């Protein structure tokens, strides 16, 4: 029996370490979504030429709240807060609910 060749691809190594179970994959996908939201808020704020403090003032909150929202591992996003940010930044907030393949028949 031939030995399995070891990979040096960092992504494949991380996937094999952290995404080898359904639960880990779900956690990984959640983390990617959270990071995507954080980076989108950051990018839109930067494009608008606003500091965290300025954005906070425009939506009626404090700078540390904006800082937390821009952290990739923050998980407390509320629809109301995201909508306030989108409105001030002249964007639309779009939420999609997409059935998983195994439940597509429902």
PDB file of N, CA and C in Angstrom:
ATOM      1  N   UNK A   1       0.845  -1.183   0.000  1.00  0.00           N
ATOM      2  CA  UNK A   1       0.000   0.000   0.000  1.00  0.00           C
ATOM      3  C   UNK A   1       0.885   1.238   0.000  1.00  0.00           C
ATOM      4  N   UNK A   2       0.570   2.177  -0.889  1.00  0.00           N
ATOM      5  CA  UNK A   2       1.374   3.391  -1.012  1.00  0.00           C
ATOM      6  C   UNK A   2       1.046   4.351   0.120  1.00  0.00           C
ATOM      7  N   UNK A   3       2.105   5.031   0.578  1.00  0.00           N
ATOM      8  CA  UNK A   3       1.914   6.052   1.610  1.00  0.00           C
ATOM      9  C   UNK A   3       1.213   7.257   1.014  1.00  0.00           C
ATOM     10  N   UNK A   4       0.353   7.866   1.824  1.00  0.00           N
ATOM     11  CA  UNK A   4      -0.323   9.084   1.387  1.00  0.00           C
ATOM     12  C   UNK A   4       0.680  10.227   1.432  1.00  0.00           C
ATOM     13  N   UNK A   5       0.775  10.954   0.326  1.00  0.00           N
ATOM     14  CA  UNK A   5       1.717  12.061   0.231  1.00  0.00           C
ATOM     15  C   UNK A   5       1.253  13.209   1.127  1.00  0.00           C
ATOM     16  N   UNK A   6       2.160  13.723   1.945  1.00  0.00           N
ATOM     17  CA  UNK A   6       1.844  14.870   2.800  1.00  0.00           C
ATOM     18  C   UNK A   6       1.808  16.128   1.955  1.00  0.00           C
ATOM     19  N   UNK A   7       0.872  17.012   2.313  1.00  0.00           N
ATOM     20  CA  UNK A   7       0.755  18.268   1.596  1.00  0.00           C
ATOM     21  C   UNK A   7       1.462  19.380   2.360  1.00  0.00           C
ATOM     22  N   UNK A   8       1.902  20.373   1.617  1.00  0.00           N
ATOM     23  CA  UNK A   8       2.485  21.564   2.241  1.00  0.00           C
ATOM     24  C   UNK A   8       1.564  22.766   2.042  1.00  0.00           C
ATOM     25  N   UNK A   9       0.385  22.518   1.448  1.00  0.00           N
ATOM     26  CA  UNK A   9      -0.598  23.574   1.222  1.00  0.00           C
ATOM     27  C   UNK A   9      -1.237  23.947   2.560  1.00  0.00           C
ATOM     28  N   UNK A  10      -1.002  25.181   2.997  1.00  0.00           N
ATOM     29  CA  UNK A  10      -1.473  25.623   4.316  1.00  0.00           C
ATOM     30  C   UNK A  10      -2.988  25.527   4.456  1.00  0.00           C
ATOM     31  N   UNK A  11      -3.711  25.878   3.414  1.00  0.00           N
ATOM     32  CA  UNK A  11      -5.176  25.821   3.476  1.00  0.00           C
ATOM     33  C   UNK A  11      -5.638  24.384   3.656  1.00  0.00           C
ATOM     34  N   UNK A  12      -5.047  23.468   2.909  1.00  0.00           N
ATOM     35  CA  UNK A  12      -5.433  22.058   3.034  1.00  0.00           C
ATOM     36  C   UNK A  12      -5.080  21.505   4.407  1.00  0.00           C
ATOM     37  N   UNK A  13      -3.961  21.930   4.947  1.00  0.00           N
ATOM     38  CA  UNK A  13      -3.565  21.484   6.292  1.00  0.00           C
ATOM     39  C   UNK A  13      -4.570  21.980   7.318  1.00  0.00           C
ATOM     40  N   UNK A  14      -4.921  23.272   7.243  1.00  0.00           N
ATOM     41  CA  UNK A  14      -5.904  23.829   8.175  1.00  0.00           C
ATOM     42  C   UNK A  14      -7.258  23.158   8.018  1.00  0.00           C
ATOM     43  N   UNK A  15      -7.665  22.912   6.784  1.00  0.00           N
ATOM     44  CA  UNK A  15      -8.945  22.237   6.571  1.00  0.00           C
ATOM     45  C   UNK A  15      -8.933  20.850   7.185  1.00  0.00           C
ATOM     46  N   UNK A  16      -7.852  20.131   7.026  1.00  0.00           N
ATOM     47  CA  UNK A  16      -7.798  18.790   7.591  1.00  0.00           C
ATOM     48  C   UNK A  16      -7.800  18.816   9.117  1.00  0.00           C
ATOM     49  N   UNK A  17      -7.262  19.879   9.693  1.00  0.00           N
ATOM     50  CA  UNK A  17      -7.222  19.995  11.156  1.00  0.00           C
ATOM     51  C   UNK A  17      -8.546  20.465  11.736  1.00  0.00           C
ATOM     52  N   UNK A  18      -9.237  21.359  11.030  1.00  0.00           N
ATOM     53  CA  UNK A  18     -10.388  22.027  11.627  1.00  0.00           C
ATOM     54  C   UNK A  18     -11.719  21.776  10.931  1.00  0.00           C
ATOM     55  N   UNK A  19     -11.719  21.204   9.760  1.00  0.00           N
ATOM     56  CA  UNK A  19     -12.977  21.071   9.036  1.00  0.00           C
ATOM     57  C   UNK A  19     -13.250  19.616   8.693  1.00  0.00           C
ATOM     58  N   UNK A  20     -12.876  18.716   9.554  1.00  0.00           N
ATOM     59  CA  UNK A  20     -13.079  17.314   9.242  1.00  0.00           C
ATOM     60  C   UNK A  20     -14.355  16.737   9.844  1.00  0.00           C
ATOM     61  N   UNK A  21     -15.133  17.532  10.490  1.00  0.00           N
ATOM     62  CA  UNK A  21     -16.419  17.075  11.001  1.00  0.00           C
ATOM     63  C   UNK A  21     -17.490  18.089  10.621  1.00  0.00           C
ATOM     64  N   UNK A  22     -18.722  17.646  10.617  1.00  0.00           N
ATOM     65  CA  UNK A  22     -19.827  18.545  10.253  1.00  0.00           C
ATOM     66  C   UNK A  22     -19.904  19.725  11.211  1.00  0.00           C
ATOM     67  N   UNK A  23     -19.712  19.483  12.485  1.00  0.00           N
ATOM     68  CA  UNK A  23     -19.788  20.556  13.479  1.00  0.00           C
ATOM     69  C   UNK A  23     -18.668  21.562  13.267  1.00  0.00           C
ATOM     70  N   UNK A  24     -17.477  21.081  13.020  1.00  0.00           N
ATOM     71  CA  UNK A  24     -16.357  21.994  12.780  1.00  0.00           C
ATOM     72  C   UNK A  24     -16.567  22.792  11.498  1.00  0.00           C
ATOM     73  N   UNK A  25     -17.094  22.138  10.466  1.00  0.00           N
ATOM     74  CA  UNK A  25     -17.347  22.841   9.210  1.00  0.00           C
ATOM     75  C   UNK A  25     -18.375  23.949   9.428  1.00  0.00           C
ATOM     76  N   UNK A  26     -19.425  23.661  10.186  1.00  0.00           N
ATOM     77  CA  UNK A  26     -20.456  24.664  10.459  1.00  0.00           C
ATOM     78  C   UNK A  26     -19.859  25.844  11.221  1.00  0.00           C
ATOM     79  N   UNK A  27     -19.010  25.563  12.199  1.00  0.00           N
ATOM     80  CA  UNK A  27     -18.350  26.619  12.968  1.00  0.00           C
ATOM     81  C   UNK A  27     -17.433  27.449  12.065  1.00  0.00           C
ATOM     82  N   UNK A  28     -16.717  26.788  11.205  1.00  0.00           N
ATOM     83  CA  UNK A  28     -15.821  27.452  10.261  1.00  0.00           C
ATOM     84  C   UNK A  28     -16.618  28.369   9.331  1.00  0.00           C
ATOM     85  N   UNK A  29     -17.732  27.881   8.798  1.00  0.00           N
ATOM     86  CA  UNK A  29     -18.558  28.679   7.900  1.00  0.00           C
ATOM     87  C   UNK A  29     -19.152  29.879   8.623  1.00  0.00           C
ATOM     88  N   UNK A  30     -19.544  29.716   9.888  1.00  0.00           N
ATOM     89  CA  UNK A  30     -20.068  30.828  10.688  1.00  0.00           C
ATOM     90  C   UNK A  30     -18.981  31.891  10.874  1.00  0.00           C
ATOM     91  N   UNK A  31     -17.770  31.448  11.176  1.00  0.00           N
ATOM     92  CA  UNK A  31     -16.660  32.384  11.354  1.00  0.00           C
ATOM     93  C   UNK A  31     -16.384  33.162  10.068  1.00  0.00           C
ATOM     94  N   UNK A  32     -16.485  32.505   8.927  1.00  0.00           N
ATOM     95  CA  UNK A  32     -16.288  33.190   7.648  1.00  0.00           C
ATOM     96  C   UNK A  32     -17.361  34.251   7.426  1.00  0.00           C
ATOM     97  N   UNK A  33     -18.605  33.934   7.779  1.00  0.00           N
ATOM     98  CA  UNK A  33     -19.698  34.901   7.626  1.00  0.00           C
ATOM     99  C   UNK A  33     -19.486  36.100   8.534  1.00  0.00           C
ATOM    100  N   UNK A  34     -19.090  35.842   9.785  1.00  0.00           N
ATOM    101  CA  UNK A  34     -18.837  36.937  10.724  1.00  0.00           C
ATOM    102  C   UNK A  34     -17.707  37.837  10.216  1.00  0.00           C
ATOM    103  N   UNK A  35     -16.659  37.218   9.720  1.00  0.00           N
ATOM    104  CA  UNK A  35     -15.527  37.987   9.199  1.00  0.00           C
ATOM    105  C   UNK A  35     -15.943  38.790   7.968  1.00  0.00           C
ATOM    106  N   UNK A  36     -16.819  38.240   7.165  1.00  0.00           N
ATOM    107  CA  UNK A  36     -17.296  38.947   5.974  1.00  0.00           C
ATOM    108  C   UNK A  36     -18.094  40.190   6.363  1.00  0.00           C
ATOM    109  N   UNK A  37     -18.957  40.066   7.359  1.00  0.00           N
ATOM    110  CA  UNK A  37     -19.737  41.213   7.825  1.00  0.00           C
ATOM    111  C   UNK A  37     -18.803  42.293   8.365  1.00  0.00           C
ATOM    112  N   UNK A  38     -17.849  41.890   9.187  1.00  0.00           N
ATOM    113  CA  UNK A  38     -16.904  42.849   9.777  1.00  0.00           C
ATOM    114  C   UNK A  38     -16.116  43.578   8.701  1.00  0.00           C
ATOM    115  N   UNK A  39     -15.619  42.839   7.729  1.00  0.00           N
ATOM    116  CA  UNK A  39     -14.813  43.484   6.689  1.00  0.00           C
ATOM    117  C   UNK A  39     -15.666  44.391   5.810  1.00  0.00           C
ATOM    118  N   UNK A  40     -16.924  44.033   5.589  1.00  0.00           N
ATOM    119  CA  UNK A  40     -17.811  44.876   4.791  1.00  0.00           C
ATOM    120  C   UNK A  40     -18.079  46.200   5.506  1.00  0.00           C
ATOM    121  N   UNK A  41     -18.341  46.152   6.809  1.00  0.00           N
ATOM    122  CA  UNK A  41     -18.558  47.382   7.576  1.00  0.00           C
ATOM    123  C   UNK A  41     -17.312  48.257   7.501  1.00  0.00           C
ATOM    124  N   UNK A  42     -16.156  47.658   7.712  1.00  0.00           N
ATOM    125  CA  UNK A  42     -14.886  48.397   7.657  1.00  0.00           C
ATOM    126  C   UNK A  42     -14.688  49.041   6.284  1.00  0.00           C
ATOM    127  N   UNK A  43     -14.857  48.248   5.217  1.00  0.00           N
ATOM    128  CA  UNK A  43     -14.642  48.756   3.863  1.00  0.00           C
ATOM    129  C   UNK A  43     -15.586  49.913   3.537  1.00  0.00           C
ATOM    130  N   UNK A  44     -16.857  49.754   3.883  1.00  0.00           N
ATOM    131  CA  UNK A  44     -17.829  50.805   3.580  1.00  0.00           C
ATOM    132  C   UNK A  44     -17.538  52.077   4.376  1.00  0.00           C
ATOM    133  N   UNK A  45     -17.138  51.911   5.625  1.00  0.00           N
ATOM    134  CA  UNK A  45     -16.788  53.078   6.458  1.00  0.00           C
ATOM    135  C   UNK A  45     -15.588  53.797   5.861  1.00  0.00           C
ATOM    136  N   UNK A  46     -14.577  53.031   5.454  1.00  0.00           N
ATOM    137  CA  UNK A  46     -13.376  53.615   4.857  1.00  0.00           C
ATOM    138  C   UNK A  46     -13.718  54.341   3.550  1.00  0.00           C
ATOM    139  N   UNK A  47     -14.552  53.726   2.716  1.00  0.00           N
ATOM    140  CA  UNK A  47     -14.938  54.347   1.447  1.00  0.00           C
ATOM    141  C   UNK A  47     -15.688  55.656   1.678  1.00  0.00           C
ATOM    142  N   UNK A  48     -16.429  55.717   2.775  1.00  0.00           N
ATOM    143  CA  UNK A  48     -17.166  56.945   3.107  1.00  0.00           C
ATOM    144  C   UNK A  48     -16.254  57.994   3.733  1.00  0.00           C
ATOM    145  N   UNK A  49     -15.015  57.619   4.037  1.00  0.00           N
ATOM    146  CA  UNK A  49     -14.067  58.550   4.637  1.00  0.00           C
ATOM    147  C   UNK A  49     -14.384  58.880   6.084  1.00  0.00           C
ATOM    148  N   UNK A  50     -14.981  57.935   6.783  1.00  0.00           N
ATOM    149  CA  UNK A  50     -15.370  58.160   8.176  1.00  0.00           C
ATOM    150  C   UNK A  50     -14.462  57.409   9.143  1.00  0.00           C
ATOM    151  N   UNK A  51     -14.240  58.000  10.298  1.00  0.00           N
ATOM    152  CA  UNK A  51     -13.574  57.289  11.378  1.00  0.00           C
ATOM    153  C   UNK A  51     -14.630  56.463  12.101  1.00  0.00           C
ATOM    154  N   UNK A  52     -14.184  55.567  12.951  1.00  0.00           N
ATOM    155  CA  UNK A  52     -15.129  54.795  13.758  1.00  0.00           C
ATOM    156  C   UNK A  52     -15.976  55.722  14.618  1.00  0.00           C
ATOM    157  N   UNK A  53     -15.355  56.739  15.169  1.00  0.00           N
ATOM    158  CA  UNK A  53     -16.071  57.683  16.023  1.00  0.00           C
ATOM    159  C   UNK A  53     -17.136  58.436  15.233  1.00  0.00           C
ATOM    160  N   UNK A  54     -16.799  58.866  14.025  1.00  0.00           N
ATOM    161  CA  UNK A  54     -17.763  59.596  13.200  1.00  0.00           C
ATOM    162  C   UNK A  54     -18.965  58.720  12.831  1.00  0.00           C
ATOM    163  N   UNK A  55     -18.682  57.475  12.439  1.00  0.00           N
ATOM    164  CA  UNK A  55     -19.773  56.557  12.106  1.00  0.00           C
ATOM    165  C   UNK A  55     -20.647  56.311  13.334  1.00  0.00           C
ATOM    166  N   UNK A  56     -20.006  56.119  14.471  1.00  0.00           N
ATOM    167  CA  UNK A  56     -20.746  55.895  15.716  1.00  0.00           C
ATOM    168  C   UNK A  56     -21.687  57.056  16.010  1.00  0.00           C
ATOM    169  N   UNK A  57     -21.195  58.261  15.870  1.00  0.00           N
ATOM    170  CA  UNK A  57     -22.021  59.445  16.126  1.00  0.00           C
ATOM    171  C   UNK A  57     -23.202  59.520  15.163  1.00  0.00           C
ATOM    172  N   UNK A  58     -22.968  59.153  13.908  1.00  0.00           N
ATOM    173  CA  UNK A  58     -24.036  59.208  12.907  1.00  0.00           C
ATOM    174  C   UNK A  58     -25.158  58.209  13.187  1.00  0.00           C
ATOM    175  N   UNK A  59     -24.814  57.080  13.795  1.00  0.00           N
ATOM    176  CA  UNK A  59     -25.854  56.078  14.061  1.00  0.00           C
ATOM    177  C   UNK A  59     -26.304  56.069  15.517  1.00  0.00           C
ATOM    178  N   UNK A  60     -25.761  56.988  16.309  1.00  0.00           N
ATOM    179  CA  UNK A  60     -26.220  57.117  17.683  1.00  0.00           C
ATOM    180  C   UNK A  60     -25.657  56.088  18.646  1.00  0.00           C
ATOM    181  N   UNK A  61     -24.378  55.787  18.501  1.00  0.00           N
ATOM    182  CA  UNK A  61     -23.732  54.850  19.417  1.00  0.00           C
ATOM    183  C   UNK A  61     -22.334  55.366  19.739  1.00  0.00           C
ATOM    184  N   UNK A  62     -21.520  54.538  20.349  1.00  0.00           N
ATOM    185  CA  UNK A  62     -20.152  54.915  20.742  1.00  0.00           C
ATOM    186  C   UNK A  62     -19.131  54.217  19.849  1.00  0.00           C
ATOM    187  N   UNK A  63     -17.945  54.792  19.776  1.00  0.00           N
ATOM    188  CA  UNK A  63     -16.859  54.246  18.941  1.00  0.00           C
ATOM    189  C   UNK A  63     -16.517  52.800  19.265  1.00  0.00           C
ATOM    190  N   UNK A  64     -16.470  52.377  20.539  1.00  0.00           N
ATOM    191  CA  UNK A  64     -16.130  50.974  20.809  1.00  0.00           C
ATOM    192  C   UNK A  64     -17.116  49.974  20.191  1.00  0.00           C
ATOM    193  N   UNK A  65     -18.359  50.400  20.001  1.00  0.00           N
ATOM    194  CA  UNK A  65     -19.346  49.518  19.358  1.00  0.00           C
ATOM    195  C   UNK A  65     -18.942  49.265  17.907  1.00  0.00           C
ATOM    196  N   UNK A  66     -18.546  50.318  17.220  1.00  0.00           N
ATOM    197  CA  UNK A  66     -18.103  50.179  15.829  1.00  0.00           C
ATOM    198  C   UNK A  66     -16.840  49.318  15.769  1.00  0.00           C
ATOM    199  N   UNK A  67     -15.952  49.528  16.698  1.00  0.00           N
ATOM    200  CA  UNK A  67     -14.728  48.727  16.756  1.00  0.00           C
ATOM    201  C   UNK A  67     -15.060  47.240  16.891  1.00  0.00           C
ATOM    202  N   UNK A  68     -15.987  46.915  17.773  1.00  0.00           N
ATOM    203  CA  UNK A  68     -16.392  45.510  17.954  1.00  0.00           C
ATOM    204  C   UNK A  68     -17.034  44.963  16.684  1.00  0.00           C
ATOM    205  N   UNK A  69     -17.880  45.762  16.046  1.00  0.00           N
ATOM    206  CA  UNK A  69     -18.544  45.311  14.817  1.00  0.00           C
ATOM    207  C   UNK A  69     -17.549  45.021  13.703  1.00  0.00           C
ATOM    208  N   UNK A  70     -16.412  45.686  13.730  1.00  0.00           N
ATOM    209  CA  UNK A  70     -15.392  45.490  12.698  1.00  0.00           C
ATOM    210  C   UNK A  70     -14.405  44.380  13.049  1.00  0.00           C
ATOM    211  N   UNK A  71     -14.603  43.724  14.178  1.00  0.00           N
ATOM    212  CA  UNK A  71     -13.746  42.590  14.553  1.00  0.00           C
ATOM    213  C   UNK A  71     -14.286  41.324  13.898  1.00  0.00           C
ATOM    214  N   UNK A  72     -13.398  40.550  13.294  1.00  0.00           N
ATOM    215  CA  UNK A  72     -13.799  39.350  12.555  1.00  0.00           C
ATOM    216  C   UNK A  72     -14.479  38.308  13.435  1.00  0.00           C
ATOM    217  N   UNK A  73     -14.157  38.276  14.717  1.00  0.00           N
ATOM    218  CA  UNK A  73     -14.738  37.239  15.582  1.00  0.00           C
ATOM    219  C   UNK A  73     -15.945  37.727  16.390  1.00  0.00           C
ATOM    220  N   UNK A  74     -16.447  38.926  16.088  1.00  0.00           N
ATOM    221  CA  UNK A  74     -17.620  39.445  16.801  1.00  0.00           C
ATOM    222  C   UNK A  74     -18.874  38.736  16.301  1.00  0.00           C
ATOM    223  N   UNK A  75     -19.727  38.318  17.229  1.00  0.00           N
ATOM    224  CA  UNK A  75     -20.910  37.553  16.847  1.00  0.00           C
ATOM    225  C   UNK A  75     -22.209  38.163  17.333  1.00  0.00           C
ATOM    226  N   UNK A  76     -22.212  39.437  17.677  1.00  0.00           N
ATOM    227  CA  UNK A  76     -23.413  40.050  18.217  1.00  0.00           C
ATOM    228  C   UNK A  76     -24.102  41.009  17.263  1.00  0.00           C
ATOM    229  N   UNK A  77     -23.981  40.775  15.960  1.00  0.00           N
ATOM    230  CA  UNK A  77     -24.597  41.677  14.984  1.00  0.00           C
ATOM    231  C   UNK A  77     -26.120  41.629  15.113  1.00  0.00           C
ATOM    232  N   UNK A  78     -26.725  42.800  15.217  1.00  0.00           N
ATOM    233  CA  UNK A  78     -28.185  42.852  15.215  1.00  0.00           C
ATOM    234  C   UNK A  78     -28.634  43.446  13.893  1.00  0.00           C
ATOM    235  N   UNK A  79     -29.805  43.022  13.447  1.00  0.00           N
ATOM    236  CA  UNK A  79     -30.331  43.561  12.193  1.00  0.00           C
ATOM    237  C   UNK A  79     -30.554  45.059  12.295  1.00  0.00           C
ATOM    238  N   UNK A  80     -31.000  45.504  13.446  1.00  0.00           N
ATOM    239  CA  UNK A  80     -31.240  46.938  13.635  1.00  0.00           C
ATOM    240  C   UNK A  80     -29.948  47.735  13.471  1.00  0.00           C
ATOM    241  N   UNK A  81     -28.876  47.274  14.101  1.00  0.00           N
ATOM    242  CA  UNK A  81     -27.597  47.987  14.013  1.00  0.00           C
ATOM    243  C   UNK A  81     -27.062  47.959  12.585  1.00  0.00           C
ATOM    244  N   UNK A  82     -27.129  46.807  11.931  1.00  0.00           N
ATOM    245  CA  UNK A  82     -26.657  46.712  10.550  1.00  0.00           C
ATOM    246  C   UNK A  82     -27.483  47.608   9.628  1.00  0.00           C
ATOM    247  N   UNK A  83     -28.779  47.694   9.883  1.00  0.00           N
ATOM    248  CA  UNK A  83     -29.635  48.555   9.076  1.00  0.00           C
ATOM    249  C   UNK A  83     -29.296  50.030   9.285  1.00  0.00           C
ATOM    250  N   UNK A  84     -29.017  50.410  10.527  1.00  0.00           N
ATOM    251  CA  UNK A  84     -28.630  51.800  10.810  1.00  0.00           C
ATOM    252  C   UNK A  84     -27.334  52.156  10.089  1.00  0.00           C
ATOM    253  N   UNK A  85     -26.371  51.249  10.128  1.00  0.00           N
ATOM    254  CA  UNK A  85     -25.094  51.476   9.441  1.00  0.00           C
ATOM    255  C   UNK A  85     -25.323  51.596   7.936  1.00  0.00           C
ATOM    256  N   UNK A  86     -26.090  50.671   7.382  1.00  0.00           N
ATOM    257  CA  UNK A  86     -26.359  50.691   5.939  1.00  0.00           C
ATOM    258  C   UNK A  86     -27.030  51.999   5.528  1.00  0.00           C
ATOM    259  N   UNK A  87     -27.996  52.440   6.310  1.00  0.00           N
ATOM    260  CA  UNK A  87     -28.715  53.674   5.986  1.00  0.00           C
ATOM    261  C   UNK A  87     -27.779  54.874   5.972  1.00  0.00           C
ATOM    262  N   UNK A  88     -26.956  55.007   7.000  1.00  0.00           N
ATOM    263  CA  UNK A  88     -26.025  56.144   7.091  1.00  0.00           C
ATOM    264  C   UNK A  88     -24.999  56.115   5.962  1.00  0.00           C
ATOM    265  N   UNK A  89     -24.604  54.912   5.549  1.00  0.00           N
ATOM    266  CA  UNK A  89     -23.607  54.777   4.494  1.00  0.00           C
ATOM    267  C   UNK A  89     -24.243  54.701   3.105  1.00  0.00           C
ATOM    268  N   UNK A  90     -25.537  54.998   3.025  1.00  0.00           N
ATOM    269  CA  UNK A  90     -26.276  55.010   1.762  1.00  0.00           C
ATOM    270  C   UNK A  90     -26.203  53.667   1.048  1.00  0.00           C
ATOM    271  N   UNK A  91     -26.448  52.617   1.816  1.00  0.00           N
ATOM    272  CA  UNK A  91     -26.447  51.254   1.291  1.00  0.00           C
ATOM    273  C   UNK A  91     -27.775  50.594   1.644  1.00  0.00           C
ATOM    274  N   UNK A  92     -28.037  49.480   0.997  1.00  0.00           N
ATOM    275  CA  UNK A  92     -29.192  48.657   1.320  1.00  0.00           C
ATOM    276  C   UNK A  92     -28.700  47.433   2.068  1.00  0.00           C
ATOM    277  N   UNK A  93     -29.417  47.069   3.096  1.00  0.00           N
ATOM    278  CA  UNK A  93     -29.118  45.830   3.810  1.00  0.00           C
ATOM    279  C   UNK A  93     -29.956  44.732   3.176  1.00  0.00           C
ATOM    280  N   UNK A  94     -29.308  43.672   2.739  1.00  0.00           N
ATOM    281  CA  UNK A  94     -30.015  42.568   2.094  1.00  0.00           C
ATOM    282  C   UNK A  94     -29.730  41.292   2.873  1.00  0.00           C
ATOM    283  N   UNK A  95     -30.783  40.634   3.295  1.00  0.00           N
ATOM    284  CA  UNK A  95     -30.666  39.377   4.034  1.00  0.00           C
ATOM    285  C   UNK A  95     -31.251  38.283   3.157  1.00  0.00           C
ATOM    286  N   UNK A  96     -30.572  37.165   3.075  1.00  0.00           N
ATOM    287  CA  UNK A  96     -31.084  36.041   2.304  1.00  0.00           C
ATOM    288  C   UNK A  96     -31.173  34.825   3.202  1.00  0.00           C
ATOM    289  N   UNK A  97     -32.241  34.083   3.020  1.00  0.00           N
ATOM    290  CA  UNK A  97     -32.364  32.787   3.685  1.00  0.00           C
ATOM    291  C   UNK A  97     -32.414  31.756   2.570  1.00  0.00           C
ATOM    292  N   UNK A  98     -31.377  30.940   2.524  1.00  0.00           N
ATOM    293  CA  UNK A  98     -31.224  29.982   1.436  1.00  0.00           C
ATOM    294  C   UNK A  98     -31.276  28.579   2.026  1.00  0.00           C
ATOM    295  N   UNK A  99     -32.209  27.745   1.546  1.00  0.00           N
ATOM    296  CA  UNK A  99     -32.308  26.391   2.100  1.00  0.00           C
ATOM    297  C   UNK A  99     -31.048  25.580   1.823  1.00  0.00           C
ATOM    298  N   UNK A 100     -30.699  24.761   2.797  1.00  0.00           N
ATOM    299  CA  UNK A 100     -29.609  23.826   2.585  1.00  0.00           C
ATOM    300  C   UNK A 100     -30.089  22.774   1.598  1.00  0.00           C
ATOM    301  N   UNK A 101     -29.170  22.165   0.891  1.00  0.00           N
ATOM    302  CA  UNK A 101     -29.553  21.181  -0.131  1.00  0.00           C
ATOM    303  C   UNK A 101     -30.429  20.063   0.422  1.00  0.00           C
ATOM    304  N   UNK A 102     -30.104  19.566   1.601  1.00  0.00           N
ATOM    305  CA  UNK A 102     -30.857  18.437   2.132  1.00  0.00           C
ATOM    306  C   UNK A 102     -32.286  18.801   2.516  1.00  0.00           C
ATOM    307  N   UNK A 103     -32.569  20.106   2.635  1.00  0.00           N
ATOM    308  CA  UNK A 103     -33.915  20.541   2.980  1.00  0.00           C
ATOM    309  C   UNK A 103     -34.590  21.273   1.825  1.00  0.00           C
ATOM    310  N   UNK A 104     -34.053  21.182   0.639  1.00  0.00           N
ATOM    311  CA  UNK A 104     -34.563  21.921  -0.506  1.00  0.00           C
ATOM    312  C   UNK A 104     -35.994  21.510  -0.869  1.00  0.00           C
ATOM    313  N   UNK A 105     -36.418  20.333  -0.474  1.00  0.00           N
ATOM    314  CA  UNK A 105     -37.767  19.853  -0.822  1.00  0.00           C
ATOM    315  C   UNK A 105     -38.859  20.464   0.046  1.00  0.00           C
ATOM    316  N   UNK A 106     -38.496  21.165   1.101  1.00  0.00           N
ATOM    317  CA  UNK A 106     -39.487  21.736   2.015  1.00  0.00           C
ATOM    318  C   UNK A 106     -40.115  22.959   1.408  1.00  0.00           C
TER     319      UNK A 106
END
